[in-house]
C-alpha atoms as a PDB file:
ATOM      1  CA  UNK A   1     -61.755 -17.518  21.170  1.00  0.00           C
ATOM      2  CA  UNK A   2     -58.469 -19.528  23.702  1.00  0.00           C
ATOM      3  CA  UNK A   3     -55.832 -18.410  22.427  1.00  0.00           C
ATOM      4  CA  UNK A   4     -52.979 -21.283  21.898  1.00  0.00           C
ATOM      5  CA  UNK A   5     -50.154 -21.482  24.491  1.00  0.00           C
ATOM      6  CA  UNK A   6     -47.715 -21.129  21.384  1.00  0.00           C
ATOM      7  CA  UNK A   7     -49.149 -17.745  20.712  1.00  0.00           C
ATOM      8  CA  UNK A   8     -49.042 -16.580  24.182  1.00  0.00           C
ATOM      9  CA  UNK A   9     -45.022 -17.674  24.055  1.00  0.00           C
ATOM     10  CA  UNK A  10     -44.383 -15.974  21.007  1.00  0.00           C
ATOM     11  CA  UNK A  11     -46.199 -12.697  22.340  1.00  0.00           C
ATOM     12  CA  UNK A  12     -44.186 -12.889  25.461  1.00  0.00           C
ATOM     13  CA  UNK A  13     -41.089 -13.472  23.429  1.00  0.00           C
ATOM     14  CA  UNK A  14     -41.388 -10.911  21.669  1.00  0.00           C
ATOM     15  CA  UNK A  15     -42.179  -8.232  24.069  1.00  0.00           C
ATOM     16  CA  UNK A  16     -39.321  -9.998  26.637  1.00  0.00           C
ATOM     17  CA  UNK A  17     -37.264  -8.812  23.579  1.00  0.00           C
ATOM     18  CA  UNK A  18     -38.189  -5.137  23.339  1.00  0.00           C
ATOM     19  CA  UNK A  19     -37.918  -4.808  26.952  1.00  0.00           C
ATOM     20  CA  UNK A  20     -34.458  -6.274  26.782  1.00  0.00           C
ATOM     21  CA  UNK A  21     -33.027  -4.121  24.352  1.00  0.00           C
ATOM     22  CA  UNK A  22     -34.992  -1.136  25.416  1.00  0.00           C
ATOM     23  CA  UNK A  23     -32.713  -1.575  28.676  1.00  0.00           C
ATOM     24  CA  UNK A  24     -29.419  -1.645  26.682  1.00  0.00           C
ATOM     25  CA  UNK A  25     -30.261   1.054  25.054  1.00  0.00           C
ATOM     26  CA  UNK A  26     -31.580   3.081  27.638  1.00  0.00           C
ATOM     27  CA  UNK A  27     -28.290   2.354  29.801  1.00  0.00           C
ATOM     28  CA  UNK A  28     -26.289   3.348  27.223  1.00  0.00           C
ATOM     29  CA  UNK A  29     -28.018   6.214  25.378  1.00  0.00           C
ATOM     30  CA  UNK A  30     -28.453   7.970  29.167  1.00  0.00           C
ATOM     31  CA  UNK A  31     -24.748   7.043  29.681  1.00  0.00           C
ATOM     32  CA  UNK A  32     -24.024   8.981  26.998  1.00  0.00           C
ATOM     33  CA  UNK A  33     -26.394  11.670  27.229  1.00  0.00           C
ATOM     34  CA  UNK A  34     -24.787  13.250  30.750  1.00  0.00           C
ATOM     35  CA  UNK A  35     -21.121  12.789  29.367  1.00  0.00           C
ATOM     36  CA  UNK A  36     -22.154  15.361  26.564  1.00  0.00           C
ATOM     37  CA  UNK A  37     -24.243  17.444  28.968  1.00  0.00           C
ATOM     38  CA  UNK A  38     -21.135  17.850  31.176  1.00  0.00           C
ATOM     39  CA  UNK A  39     -18.962  18.163  28.702  1.00  0.00           C
ATOM     40  CA  UNK A  40     -20.878  21.347  27.293  1.00  0.00           C
ATOM     41  CA  UNK A  41     -21.633  22.605  30.571  1.00  0.00           C
ATOM     42  CA  UNK A  42     -17.709  22.415  31.736  1.00  0.00           C
ATOM     43  CA  UNK A  43     -17.203  24.268  28.153  1.00  0.00           C
ATOM     44  CA  UNK A  44     -19.548  27.175  28.337  1.00  0.00           C
ATOM     45  CA  UNK A  45     -18.833  27.691  32.642  1.00  0.00           C
ATOM     46  CA  UNK A  46     -15.459  27.624  31.748  1.00  0.00           C
ATOM     47  CA  UNK A  47     -15.282  29.677  28.220  1.00  0.00           C
ATOM     48  CA  UNK A  48     -15.067  33.794  28.460  1.00  0.00           C
ATOM     49  CA  UNK A  49     -16.998  36.191  26.489  1.00  0.00           C
ATOM     50  CA  UNK A  50     -14.214  36.160  23.380  1.00  0.00           C
ATOM     51  CA  UNK A  51     -14.510  32.449  23.423  1.00  0.00           C
ATOM     52  CA  UNK A  52     -18.295  32.111  23.351  1.00  0.00           C
ATOM     53  CA  UNK A  53     -19.158  32.040  19.536  1.00  0.00           C
ATOM     54  CA  UNK A  54     -16.951  29.462  19.094  1.00  0.00           C
ATOM     55  CA  UNK A  55     -18.605  27.397  21.777  1.00  0.00           C
ATOM     56  CA  UNK A  56     -21.572  28.059  20.313  1.00  0.00           C
ATOM     57  CA  UNK A  57     -20.452  26.649  16.769  1.00  0.00           C
ATOM     58  CA  UNK A  58     -18.931  23.976  18.221  1.00  0.00           C
ATOM     59  CA  UNK A  59     -22.153  22.403  20.473  1.00  0.00           C
ATOM     60  CA  UNK A  60     -23.725  22.973  17.357  1.00  0.00           C
ATOM     61  CA  UNK A  61     -23.997  19.138  16.694  1.00  0.00           C
ATOM     62  CA  UNK A  62     -23.499  18.459  20.022  1.00  0.00           C
ATOM     63  CA  UNK A  63     -26.933  20.190  21.020  1.00  0.00           C
ATOM     64  CA  UNK A  64     -28.740  18.143  18.255  1.00  0.00           C
ATOM     65  CA  UNK A  65     -27.028  14.836  19.751  1.00  0.00           C
ATOM     66  CA  UNK A  66     -28.569  15.581  22.961  1.00  0.00           C
ATOM     67  CA  UNK A  67     -31.773  15.947  21.957  1.00  0.00           C
ATOM     68  CA  UNK A  68     -31.565  13.137  19.838  1.00  0.00           C
ATOM     69  CA  UNK A  69     -30.601  10.993  22.585  1.00  0.00           C
ATOM     70  CA  UNK A  70     -33.147  12.384  25.185  1.00  0.00           C
ATOM     71  CA  UNK A  71     -35.819  10.744  22.778  1.00  0.00           C
ATOM     72  CA  UNK A  72     -34.128   7.598  22.319  1.00  0.00           C
ATOM     73  CA  UNK A  73     -34.049   7.257  26.054  1.00  0.00           C
ATOM     74  CA  UNK A  74     -37.886   8.279  26.545  1.00  0.00           C
ATOM     75  CA  UNK A  75     -38.774   5.748  24.082  1.00  0.00           C
ATOM     76  CA  UNK A  76     -36.003   2.975  25.512  1.00  0.00           C
ATOM     77  CA  UNK A  77     -37.401   3.549  29.058  1.00  0.00           C
ATOM     78  CA  UNK A  78     -41.164   2.873  27.803  1.00  0.00           C
ATOM     79  CA  UNK A  79     -40.033  -0.250  25.668  1.00  0.00           C
ATOM     80  CA  UNK A  80     -38.296  -1.354  28.832  1.00  0.00           C
ATOM     81  CA  UNK A  81     -42.070  -1.201  30.436  1.00  0.00           C
ATOM     82  CA  UNK A  82     -43.119  -3.980  28.394  1.00  0.00           C
ATOM     83  CA  UNK A  83     -40.551  -6.107  29.979  1.00  0.00           C
ATOM     84  CA  UNK A  84     -41.850  -5.237  33.708  1.00  0.00           C
ATOM     85  CA  UNK A  85     -45.449  -4.481  33.145  1.00  0.00           C
ATOM     86  CA  UNK A  86     -48.200  -6.448  31.655  1.00  0.00           C
ATOM     87  CA  UNK A  87     -49.700  -3.926  30.188  1.00  0.00           C
ATOM     88  CA  UNK A  88     -52.853  -5.903  28.544  1.00  0.00           C
ATOM     89  CA  UNK A  89     -54.464  -5.712  32.068  1.00  0.00           C
ATOM     90  CA  UNK A  90     -53.867  -2.061  33.077  1.00  0.00           C
ATOM     91  CA  UNK A  91     -55.096   0.033  30.180  1.00  0.00           C
ATOM     92  CA  UNK A  92     -54.017   3.310  31.956  1.00  0.00           C
ATOM     93  CA  UNK A  93     -50.527   2.089  32.063  1.00  0.00           C
ATOM     94  CA  UNK A  94     -50.914   0.843  28.363  1.00  0.00           C
ATOM     95  CA  UNK A  95     -52.260   4.272  27.023  1.00  0.00           C
ATOM     96  CA  UNK A  96     -49.679   5.714  28.595  1.00  0.00           C
ATOM     97  CA  UNK A  97     -47.192   3.387  27.158  1.00  0.00           C
ATOM     98  CA  UNK A  98     -48.332   3.935  23.889  1.00  0.00           C
ATOM     99  CA  UNK A  99     -48.194   7.740  23.721  1.00  0.00           C
ATOM    100  CA  UNK A 100     -45.094   7.818  24.995  1.00  0.00           C
ATOM    101  CA  UNK A 101     -43.354   5.636  22.570  1.00  0.00           C
ATOM    102  CA  UNK A 102     -45.483   7.614  19.800  1.00  0.00           C
ATOM    103  CA  UNK A 103     -44.143  10.909  20.956  1.00  0.00           C
ATOM    104  CA  UNK A 104     -40.665  10.237  21.650  1.00  0.00           C
ATOM    105  CA  UNK A 105     -40.450   7.770  18.252  1.00  0.00           C
ATOM    106  CA  UNK A 106     -41.765  10.645  15.958  1.00  0.00           C
ATOM    107  CA  UNK A 107     -39.221  13.160  17.810  1.00  0.00           C
ATOM    108  CA  UNK A 108     -36.561  11.066  17.171  1.00  0.00           C
ATOM    109  CA  UNK A 109     -37.367  10.851  13.755  1.00  0.00           C
ATOM    110  CA  UNK A 110     -38.171  14.456  13.287  1.00  0.00           C
ATOM    111  CA  UNK A 111     -34.726  15.440  15.021  1.00  0.00           C
ATOM    112  CA  UNK A 112     -32.926  13.200  12.723  1.00  0.00           C
ATOM    113  CA  UNK A 113     -34.259  14.214   9.324  1.00  0.00           C
ATOM    114  CA  UNK A 114     -33.205  17.868  11.086  1.00  0.00           C
ATOM    115  CA  UNK A 115     -29.393  16.455  11.408  1.00  0.00           C
ATOM    116  CA  UNK A 116     -29.535  15.325   7.926  1.00  0.00           C
ATOM    117  CA  UNK A 117     -30.621  18.395   7.003  1.00  0.00           C
ATOM    118  CA  UNK A 118     -28.371  20.425   8.833  1.00  0.00           C
ATOM    119  CA  UNK A 119     -25.493  18.460   6.753  1.00  0.00           C
ATOM    120  CA  UNK A 120     -27.226  19.409   3.537  1.00  0.00           C
ATOM    121  CA  UNK A 121     -27.210  23.091   4.542  1.00  0.00           C
ATOM    122  CA  UNK A 122     -23.510  23.181   5.932  1.00  0.00           C
ATOM    123  CA  UNK A 123     -22.536  21.527   2.722  1.00  0.00           C
ATOM    124  CA  UNK A 124     -24.102  24.235   0.789  1.00  0.00           C
ATOM    125  CA  UNK A 125     -23.671  27.015   3.012  1.00  0.00           C
ATOM    126  CA  UNK A 126     -20.667  28.530   1.045  1.00  0.00           C
ATOM    127  CA  UNK A 127     -22.568  29.151  -2.119  1.00  0.00           C
ATOM    128  CA  UNK A 128     -26.068  30.439  -0.125  1.00  0.00           C
ATOM    129  CA  UNK A 129     -25.763  31.479   3.077  1.00  0.00           C
ATOM    130  CA  UNK A 130     -22.535  34.040   4.013  1.00  0.00           C
ATOM    131  CA  UNK A 131     -21.979  35.704   7.225  1.00  0.00           C
ATOM    132  CA  UNK A 132     -19.304  38.533   7.854  1.00  0.00           C
ATOM    133  CA  UNK A 133     -18.498  37.514  11.332  1.00  0.00           C
ATOM    134  CA  UNK A 134     -18.179  34.636  13.426  1.00  0.00           C
ATOM    135  CA  UNK A 135     -20.625  36.220  16.055  1.00  0.00           C
ATOM    136  CA  UNK A 136     -22.809  36.160  13.373  1.00  0.00           C
ATOM    137  CA  UNK A 137     -22.785  32.634  12.355  1.00  0.00           C
ATOM    138  CA  UNK A 138     -22.938  31.661  15.953  1.00  0.00           C
ATOM    139  CA  UNK A 139     -26.332  33.733  16.380  1.00  0.00           C
ATOM    140  CA  UNK A 140     -27.509  31.978  12.998  1.00  0.00           C
ATOM    141  CA  UNK A 141     -26.435  28.597  14.245  1.00  0.00           C
ATOM    142  CA  UNK A 142     -28.160  28.833  17.499  1.00  0.00           C
ATOM    143  CA  UNK A 143     -31.523  30.195  16.619  1.00  0.00           C
ATOM    144  CA  UNK A 144     -31.297  27.326  14.072  1.00  0.00           C
ATOM    145  CA  UNK A 145     -30.678  24.100  16.499  1.00  0.00           C
ATOM    146  CA  UNK A 146     -33.309  25.799  18.725  1.00  0.00           C
ATOM    147  CA  UNK A 147     -35.663  26.209  16.131  1.00  0.00           C
ATOM    148  CA  UNK A 148     -34.826  22.661  15.191  1.00  0.00           C
ATOM    149  CA  UNK A 149     -35.500  21.818  18.421  1.00  0.00           C
ATOM    150  CA  UNK A 150     -38.215  23.179  18.571  1.00  0.00           C
ATOM    151  CA  UNK A 151     -40.157  21.787  15.965  1.00  0.00           C
ATOM    152  CA  UNK A 152     -39.327  18.425  16.631  1.00  0.00           C
ATOM    153  CA  UNK A 153     -40.439  18.435  20.270  1.00  0.00           C
ATOM    154  CA  UNK A 154     -43.538  20.286  19.872  1.00  0.00           C
ATOM    155  CA  UNK A 155     -45.146  18.651  17.003  1.00  0.00           C
ATOM    156  CA  UNK A 156     -44.557  14.674  18.032  1.00  0.00           C
ATOM    157  CA  UNK A 157     -45.948  16.099  21.624  1.00  0.00           C
ATOM    158  CA  UNK A 158     -49.228  17.687  19.951  1.00  0.00           C
ATOM    159  CA  UNK A 159     -50.015  15.247  17.792  1.00  0.00           C
ATOM    160  CA  UNK A 160     -49.671  11.962  20.572  1.00  0.00           C
ATOM    161  CA  UNK A 161     -51.589  14.470  23.207  1.00  0.00           C
ATOM    162  CA  UNK A 162     -54.817  14.867  20.897  1.00  0.00           C
ATOM    163  CA  UNK A 163     -54.119  10.575  20.028  1.00  0.00           C
ATOM    164  CA  UNK A 164     -54.595   9.701  23.994  1.00  0.00           C
ATOM    165  CA  UNK A 165     -57.288  12.265  24.606  1.00  0.00           C
ATOM    166  CA  UNK A 166     -58.928  10.361  21.730  1.00  0.00           C
ATOM    167  CA  UNK A 167     -58.515   6.963  23.493  1.00  0.00           C
ATOM    168  CA  UNK A 168     -56.406   5.726  19.936  1.00  0.00           C
ATOM    169  CA  UNK A 169     -53.861   4.017  21.917  1.00  0.00           C
ATOM    170  CA  UNK A 170     -53.939   0.434  23.691  1.00  0.00           C
ATOM    171  CA  UNK A 171     -53.274  -3.331  23.422  1.00  0.00           C
ATOM    172  CA  UNK A 172     -51.741  -3.502  19.436  1.00  0.00           C
ATOM    173  CA  UNK A 173     -50.376  -7.470  19.273  1.00  0.00           C
ATOM    174  CA  UNK A 174     -47.120  -7.516  20.776  1.00  0.00           C
ATOM    175  CA  UNK A 175     -46.948  -4.605  22.533  1.00  0.00           C
ATOM    176  CA  UNK A 176     -48.768  -0.954  23.524  1.00  0.00           C
ATOM    177  CA  UNK A 177     -49.401   1.314  20.789  1.00  0.00           C
ATOM    178  CA  UNK A 178     -52.364   2.439  18.585  1.00  0.00           C
ATOM    179  CA  UNK A 179     -54.648  -0.002  18.552  1.00  0.00           C
ATOM    180  CA  UNK A 180     -55.120  -2.296  15.406  1.00  0.00           C
ATOM    181  CA  UNK A 181     -58.397  -0.400  14.820  1.00  0.00           C
ATOM    182  CA  UNK A 182     -56.966   2.794  13.783  1.00  0.00           C
ATOM    183  CA  UNK A 183     -54.963   1.630  11.184  1.00  0.00           C
ATOM    184  CA  UNK A 184     -55.635   5.165   9.076  1.00  0.00           C
ATOM    185  CA  UNK A 185     -54.045   6.907  12.478  1.00  0.00           C
ATOM    186  CA  UNK A 186     -50.966   4.262  12.450  1.00  0.00           C
ATOM    187  CA  UNK A 187     -50.502   5.065   8.260  1.00  0.00           C
ATOM    188  CA  UNK A 188     -51.017   8.969   8.734  1.00  0.00           C
ATOM    189  CA  UNK A 189     -49.183   9.917  11.534  1.00  0.00           C
ATOM    190  CA  UNK A 190     -46.303   7.243  12.282  1.00  0.00           C
ATOM    191  CA  UNK A 191     -45.890   5.285   9.034  1.00  0.00           C
ATOM    192  CA  UNK A 192     -45.816   7.553   6.520  1.00  0.00           C
ATOM    193  CA  UNK A 193     -43.364   9.978   8.386  1.00  0.00           C
ATOM    194  CA  UNK A 194     -41.255   6.952   9.268  1.00  0.00           C
ATOM    195  CA  UNK A 195     -40.784   6.015   4.787  1.00  0.00           C
ATOM    196  CA  UNK A 196     -40.765  10.322   4.383  1.00  0.00           C
ATOM    197  CA  UNK A 197     -37.719  10.007   7.119  1.00  0.00           C
ATOM    198  CA  UNK A 198     -36.102   7.403   5.710  1.00  0.00           C
ATOM    199  CA  UNK A 199     -36.283   7.945   2.247  1.00  0.00           C
ATOM    200  CA  UNK A 200     -34.613  11.797   3.390  1.00  0.00           C
ATOM    201  CA  UNK A 201     -32.044  10.039   4.888  1.00  0.00           C
ATOM    202  CA  UNK A 202     -31.285   7.616   2.205  1.00  0.00           C
ATOM    203  CA  UNK A 203     -31.371  10.938  -0.176  1.00  0.00           C
ATOM    204  CA  UNK A 204     -28.577  12.794   1.756  1.00  0.00           C
ATOM    205  CA  UNK A 205     -26.584   9.703   1.945  1.00  0.00           C
ATOM    206  CA  UNK A 206     -26.820   9.561  -2.160  1.00  0.00           C
ATOM    207  CA  UNK A 207     -25.930  13.222  -2.149  1.00  0.00           C
ATOM    208  CA  UNK A 208     -22.970  12.846  -0.561  1.00  0.00           C
ATOM    209  CA  UNK A 209     -21.881   9.828  -2.282  1.00  0.00           C
ATOM    210  CA  UNK A 210     -22.066  11.376  -5.441  1.00  0.00           C
ATOM    211  CA  UNK A 211     -19.068  13.422  -4.382  1.00  0.00           C
ATOM    212  CA  UNK A 212     -20.499  16.494  -3.111  1.00  0.00           C
ATOM    213  CA  UNK A 213     -17.837  18.940  -2.022  1.00  0.00           C
ATOM    214  CA  UNK A 214     -17.284  18.640   1.683  1.00  0.00           C
ATOM    215  CA  UNK A 215     -14.346  21.417   1.620  1.00  0.00           C
ATOM    216  CA  UNK A 216     -15.972  24.043   3.931  1.00  0.00           C
ATOM    217  CA  UNK A 217     -17.094  23.106   7.683  1.00  0.00           C
ATOM    218  CA  UNK A 218     -16.086  19.097   6.656  1.00  0.00           C
ATOM    219  CA  UNK A 219     -15.409  18.308  10.811  1.00  0.00           C
ATOM    220  CA  UNK A 220     -19.219  19.558  11.478  1.00  0.00           C
ATOM    221  CA  UNK A 221     -20.561  17.101   8.649  1.00  0.00           C
ATOM    222  CA  UNK A 222     -18.286  14.223   9.355  1.00  0.00           C
ATOM    223  CA  UNK A 223     -19.672  14.242  13.332  1.00  0.00           C
ATOM    224  CA  UNK A 224     -23.177  14.225  12.207  1.00  0.00           C
ATOM    225  CA  UNK A 225     -22.936  11.743   8.915  1.00  0.00           C
ATOM    226  CA  UNK A 226     -22.446   8.064  10.686  1.00  0.00           C
ATOM    227  CA  UNK A 227     -25.879   9.058  12.598  1.00  0.00           C
ATOM    228  CA  UNK A 228     -27.667   8.707   9.596  1.00  0.00           C
ATOM    229  CA  UNK A 229     -26.835   5.042   8.870  1.00  0.00           C
ATOM    230  CA  UNK A 230     -27.352   4.155  12.449  1.00  0.00           C
ATOM    231  CA  UNK A 231     -30.911   5.331  11.834  1.00  0.00           C
ATOM    232  CA  UNK A 232     -31.412   3.590   8.771  1.00  0.00           C
ATOM    233  CA  UNK A 233     -29.819   0.260  10.387  1.00  0.00           C
ATOM    234  CA  UNK A 234     -32.313   0.850  13.145  1.00  0.00           C
ATOM    235  CA  UNK A 235     -35.417   1.282  11.224  1.00  0.00           C
ATOM    236  CA  UNK A 236     -34.677  -1.497   8.147  1.00  0.00           C
ATOM    237  CA  UNK A 237     -36.186  -4.021   9.969  1.00  0.00           C
ATOM    238  CA  UNK A 238     -39.001  -2.406  11.517  1.00  0.00           C
ATOM    239  CA  UNK A 239     -40.136  -1.274   8.056  1.00  0.00           C
ATOM    240  CA  UNK A 240     -39.681  -4.390   6.221  1.00  0.00           C
ATOM    241  CA  UNK A 241     -41.947  -5.635   9.079  1.00  0.00           C
ATOM    242  CA  UNK A 242     -44.742  -2.758   8.674  1.00  0.00           C
ATOM    243  CA  UNK A 243     -44.524  -3.446   4.716  1.00  0.00           C
ATOM    244  CA  UNK A 244     -45.068  -6.972   5.284  1.00  0.00           C
ATOM    245  CA  UNK A 245     -47.939  -6.692   8.060  1.00  0.00           C
ATOM    246  CA  UNK A 246     -49.671  -4.407   5.702  1.00  0.00           C
ATOM    247  CA  UNK A 247     -49.393  -6.351   2.408  1.00  0.00           C
ATOM    248  CA  UNK A 248     -50.126 -10.100   4.162  1.00  0.00           C
ATOM    249  CA  UNK A 249     -52.604  -9.031   6.686  1.00  0.00           C
ATOM    250  CA  UNK A 250     -49.533 -10.300   9.481  1.00  0.00           C
ATOM    251  CA  UNK A 251     -45.938 -10.418   9.672  1.00  0.00           C
ATOM    252  CA  UNK A 252     -43.995 -13.533  10.685  1.00  0.00           C
ATOM    253  CA  UNK A 253     -42.642 -14.093  14.272  1.00  0.00           C
ATOM    254  CA  UNK A 254     -39.169 -14.155  13.252  1.00  0.00           C
ATOM    255  CA  UNK A 255     -39.594 -10.783  11.236  1.00  0.00           C
ATOM    256  CA  UNK A 256     -41.288  -8.997  14.638  1.00  0.00           C
ATOM    257  CA  UNK A 257     -37.963 -10.738  16.709  1.00  0.00           C
ATOM    258  CA  UNK A 258     -36.184  -8.497  14.236  1.00  0.00           C
ATOM    259  CA  UNK A 259     -38.021  -5.611  14.908  1.00  0.00           C
ATOM    260  CA  UNK A 260     -37.968  -6.004  18.365  1.00  0.00           C
ATOM    261  CA  UNK A 261     -33.959  -6.240  18.311  1.00  0.00           C
ATOM    262  CA  UNK A 262     -33.516  -3.603  16.505  1.00  0.00           C
ATOM    263  CA  UNK A 263     -36.290  -0.645  16.762  1.00  0.00           C
ATOM    264  CA  UNK A 264     -35.601   0.127  20.713  1.00  0.00           C
ATOM    265  CA  UNK A 265     -31.714   0.412  19.713  1.00  0.00           C
ATOM    266  CA  UNK A 266     -31.573   4.173  18.404  1.00  0.00           C
ATOM    267  CA  UNK A 267     -29.692   5.135  21.582  1.00  0.00           C
ATOM    268  CA  UNK A 268     -27.483   2.484  21.857  1.00  0.00           C
ATOM    269  CA  UNK A 269     -26.231   2.644  18.206  1.00  0.00           C
ATOM    270  CA  UNK A 270     -26.174   6.341  18.249  1.00  0.00           C
ATOM    271  CA  UNK A 271     -23.738   5.757  21.285  1.00  0.00           C
ATOM    272  CA  UNK A 272     -21.639   3.117  19.312  1.00  0.00           C
ATOM    273  CA  UNK A 273     -21.373   5.709  16.195  1.00  0.00           C
ATOM    274  CA  UNK A 274     -19.764   8.300  18.444  1.00  0.00           C
ATOM    275  CA  UNK A 275     -17.642   5.982  20.119  1.00  0.00           C
ATOM    276  CA  UNK A 276     -16.347   4.204  16.854  1.00  0.00           C
ATOM    277  CA  UNK A 277     -15.557   7.782  15.907  1.00  0.00           C
ATOM    278  CA  UNK A 278     -13.487   8.659  18.847  1.00  0.00           C
ATOM    279  CA  UNK A 279     -11.696   5.289  17.975  1.00  0.00           C
ATOM    280  CA  UNK A 280     -11.240   5.337  14.185  1.00  0.00           C
ATOM    281  CA  UNK A 281     -12.625   8.688  12.967  1.00  0.00           C
ATOM    282  CA  UNK A 282      -9.197   9.473  11.516  1.00  0.00           C
ATOM    283  CA  UNK A 283      -9.874   6.280   9.420  1.00  0.00           C
ATOM    284  CA  UNK A 284     -13.668   6.782   8.769  1.00  0.00           C
ATOM    285  CA  UNK A 285     -12.469  10.302   7.268  1.00  0.00           C
ATOM    286  CA  UNK A 286      -9.886   9.023   4.995  1.00  0.00           C
ATOM    287  CA  UNK A 287     -12.088   5.961   4.251  1.00  0.00           C
ATOM    288  CA  UNK A 288     -14.658   8.737   2.987  1.00  0.00           C
ATOM    289  CA  UNK A 289     -12.438  10.640   0.937  1.00  0.00           C
ATOM    290  CA  UNK A 290     -10.981   7.910  -0.516  1.00  0.00           C
ATOM    291  CA  UNK A 291     -13.992   5.471  -1.694  1.00  0.00           C
ATOM    292  CA  UNK A 292     -16.855   8.281  -1.494  1.00  0.00           C
ATOM    293  CA  UNK A 293     -16.532  11.715  -2.179  1.00  0.00           C
ATOM    294  CA  UNK A 294     -13.369  10.728  -3.947  1.00  0.00           C
ATOM    295  CA  UNK A 295     -11.052  13.605  -3.835  1.00  0.00           C
ATOM    296  CA  UNK A 296     -13.920  16.466  -3.654  1.00  0.00           C
ATOM    297  CA  UNK A 297     -13.382  16.717   0.190  1.00  0.00           C
ATOM    298  CA  UNK A 298     -10.934  18.473   2.486  1.00  0.00           C
ATOM    299  CA  UNK A 299      -7.611  16.958   2.836  1.00  0.00           C
ATOM    300  CA  UNK A 300      -7.076  19.074   5.689  1.00  0.00           C
ATOM    301  CA  UNK A 301      -7.488  18.292   9.272  1.00  0.00           C
ATOM    302  CA  UNK A 302      -8.038  21.165  10.696  1.00  0.00           C
ATOM    303  CA  UNK A 303     -11.991  22.202  11.482  1.00  0.00           C
ATOM    304  CA  UNK A 304     -12.998  24.709   8.960  1.00  0.00           C
ATOM    305  CA  UNK A 305     -16.109  25.683  11.030  1.00  0.00           C
ATOM    306  CA  UNK A 306     -14.380  26.202  14.245  1.00  0.00           C
ATOM    307  CA  UNK A 307     -12.642  29.466  14.442  1.00  0.00           C
ATOM    308  CA  UNK A 308      -9.827  30.334  16.816  1.00  0.00           C
ATOM    309  CA  UNK A 309      -8.820  33.674  15.358  1.00  0.00           C
ATOM    310  CA  UNK A 310      -9.271  36.589  12.825  1.00  0.00           C
ATOM    311  CA  UNK A 311      -6.562  35.138  10.507  1.00  0.00           C
ATOM    312  CA  UNK A 312      -8.243  31.652  10.151  1.00  0.00           C
ATOM    313  CA  UNK A 313     -12.061  33.185  10.436  1.00  0.00           C
ATOM    314  CA  UNK A 314     -10.728  35.470   7.321  1.00  0.00           C
ATOM    315  CA  UNK A 315      -9.065  32.666   5.327  1.00  0.00           C
ATOM    316  CA  UNK A 316     -10.434  29.368   5.623  1.00  0.00           C
ATOM    317  CA  UNK A 317     -13.760  29.442   5.490  1.00  0.00           C
ATOM    318  CA  UNK A 318     -14.232  30.964   2.217  1.00  0.00           C
ATOM    319  CA  UNK A 319     -17.011  33.204   3.388  1.00  0.00           C
ATOM    320  CA  UNK A 320     -15.308  36.535   2.699  1.00  0.00           C
ATOM    321  CA  UNK A 321     -15.034  37.725  -0.728  1.00  0.00           C
ATOM    322  CA  UNK A 322     -11.433  38.211  -2.309  1.00  0.00           C
ATOM    323  CA  UNK A 323     -12.271  42.029  -2.466  1.00  0.00           C
ATOM    324  CA  UNK A 324     -11.396  42.092   1.637  1.00  0.00           C
ATOM    325  CA  UNK A 325     -13.017  45.489   1.819  1.00  0.00           C
ATOM    326  CA  UNK A 326     -16.800  43.763   1.297  1.00  0.00           C
ATOM    327  CA  UNK A 327     -18.370  40.714   2.537  1.00  0.00           C
ATOM    328  CA  UNK A 328     -21.129  38.925   0.921  1.00  0.00           C
ATOM    329  CA  UNK A 329     -24.109  38.515   3.798  1.00  0.00           C
ATOM    330  CA  UNK A 330     -27.367  36.839   2.325  1.00  0.00           C
ATOM    331  CA  UNK A 331     -26.623  38.056  -0.797  1.00  0.00           C
ATOM    332  CA  UNK A 332     -25.695  41.676   0.522  1.00  0.00           C
ATOM    333  CA  UNK A 333     -22.439  43.609  -0.022  1.00  0.00           C
ATOM    334  CA  UNK A 334     -21.546  44.977   2.863  1.00  0.00           C
ATOM    335  CA  UNK A 335     -18.419  47.316   3.427  1.00  0.00           C
ATOM    336  CA  UNK A 336     -15.826  46.466   6.354  1.00  0.00           C
ATOM    337  CA  UNK A 337     -13.399  48.740   7.725  1.00  0.00           C
ATOM    338  CA  UNK A 338     -10.075  48.525   6.190  1.00  0.00           C
ATOM    339  CA  UNK A 339      -8.840  45.850   8.943  1.00  0.00           C
ATOM    340  CA  UNK A 340     -10.694  43.632  11.294  1.00  0.00           C
ATOM    341  CA  UNK A 341      -9.597  43.437  14.570  1.00  0.00           C
ATOM    342  CA  UNK A 342     -10.790  41.177  17.516  1.00  0.00           C
ATOM    343  CA  UNK A 343     -13.084  43.832  18.378  1.00  0.00           C
ATOM    344  CA  UNK A 344     -15.064  43.813  15.391  1.00  0.00           C
ATOM    345  CA  UNK A 345     -15.286  39.744  15.360  1.00  0.00           C
END
């Protein structure tokens, strides 16, 4: 059966839209990623041994963000291929493109969930986990971020590689992805994780709106917070398109255009969030304290998780007990010396 010229034009239009938005996201996301990597390398190279715990703590959010940007750049790169390639005529290229988009998109979704979980964790760290020194906290955060990143990359890699060997990828309407003959695979390994991730991020935002205290680690939380609504904005139209398609058999062309305009833009959205934070960060924090957490947030501009000396570590974190002769470490009381000096920390 021949395909009408209108359908061909619609497919080409959506495909080109995917490519253009992917290119925008690739350029902005990769530039931001390079900037963050250079910044972190300079800090680690210039830091001495005493500063390393503070640098490690400070770069927790940057490491998560760099991994998220890398996943977004990979997916953006293969979205760009939809603009330059004619994948329906090259099955091997189409399978590779579909597999890489699946791999990087799943990694991006998982990394965003890890980012949200870290916000929840550091909101409750003052009541659930306690540390006696910043060295101990730095080691814990280093293990935490490495575990998060490893899980977020290894699971999508294993899943995508398995699907590739089972020839699941191919032409899927407007682009290369999991073919329409493998609907169950789409649901189980992409749509369901995406919906769960979206619901998880919405839940974290609701918890914040319900006056969750940000008194401890406020700046770290604020650094990560605004990437959640960015994720939600990017994936809103794709989720609507997915639900509409499954409910009605197909989605209208305008909805596919909206999906093509937003889905590849995660890297651009993350870059935009960072830029807005740098320019309007103080106003955003003031807005959050005034209208969202409404007085439950700390009003001080001090970053409570970046310790510069032993007094700031002792006084501002709330990690030490009122009786400074003991400290609660993971629920156990540990004796401390009468004086904590720089060597102890």
